[in-house]
Amino acid sequence: MKAKISPQWIIGLLIGFVMPLMGILLILEARPELVGLQRFEGDIVKHVNTQIITLGIIINAALFFIGLRLDKEEGCRGILFASVVYLVMIFVYRFLL
């Protein structure tokens, strides 16, 4: 059985990919010293970058629960899928690279 992809799911997916990037940019704008840390040791940089990206994903968690509250379940599925993709990318970056 083939599942249809609804427009709400695609919108949720786009929101799920864009909002953490916006959050990361806001964090780096508010704390410019974090950009300067990129010159240090690789392990320190990986740790800081992982924390910054994880903070960006917290925005997705908030959007997910707001969407559930507003009965926008298809959009929430897209946000959840984007969050899982981000978490897999964080795992690969942190432990496999």
Foldseek 3Di string as FASTA:
>chain_A
DDDDQDPLLVVLLVCLQVQLVVQLVVVCVVPVVLVVCVPDDPLVVLVSVLVSSVRSLVVLVVVLVVCVVVVSVSSSNSNVVSSVVSVVVNCCSNPVD
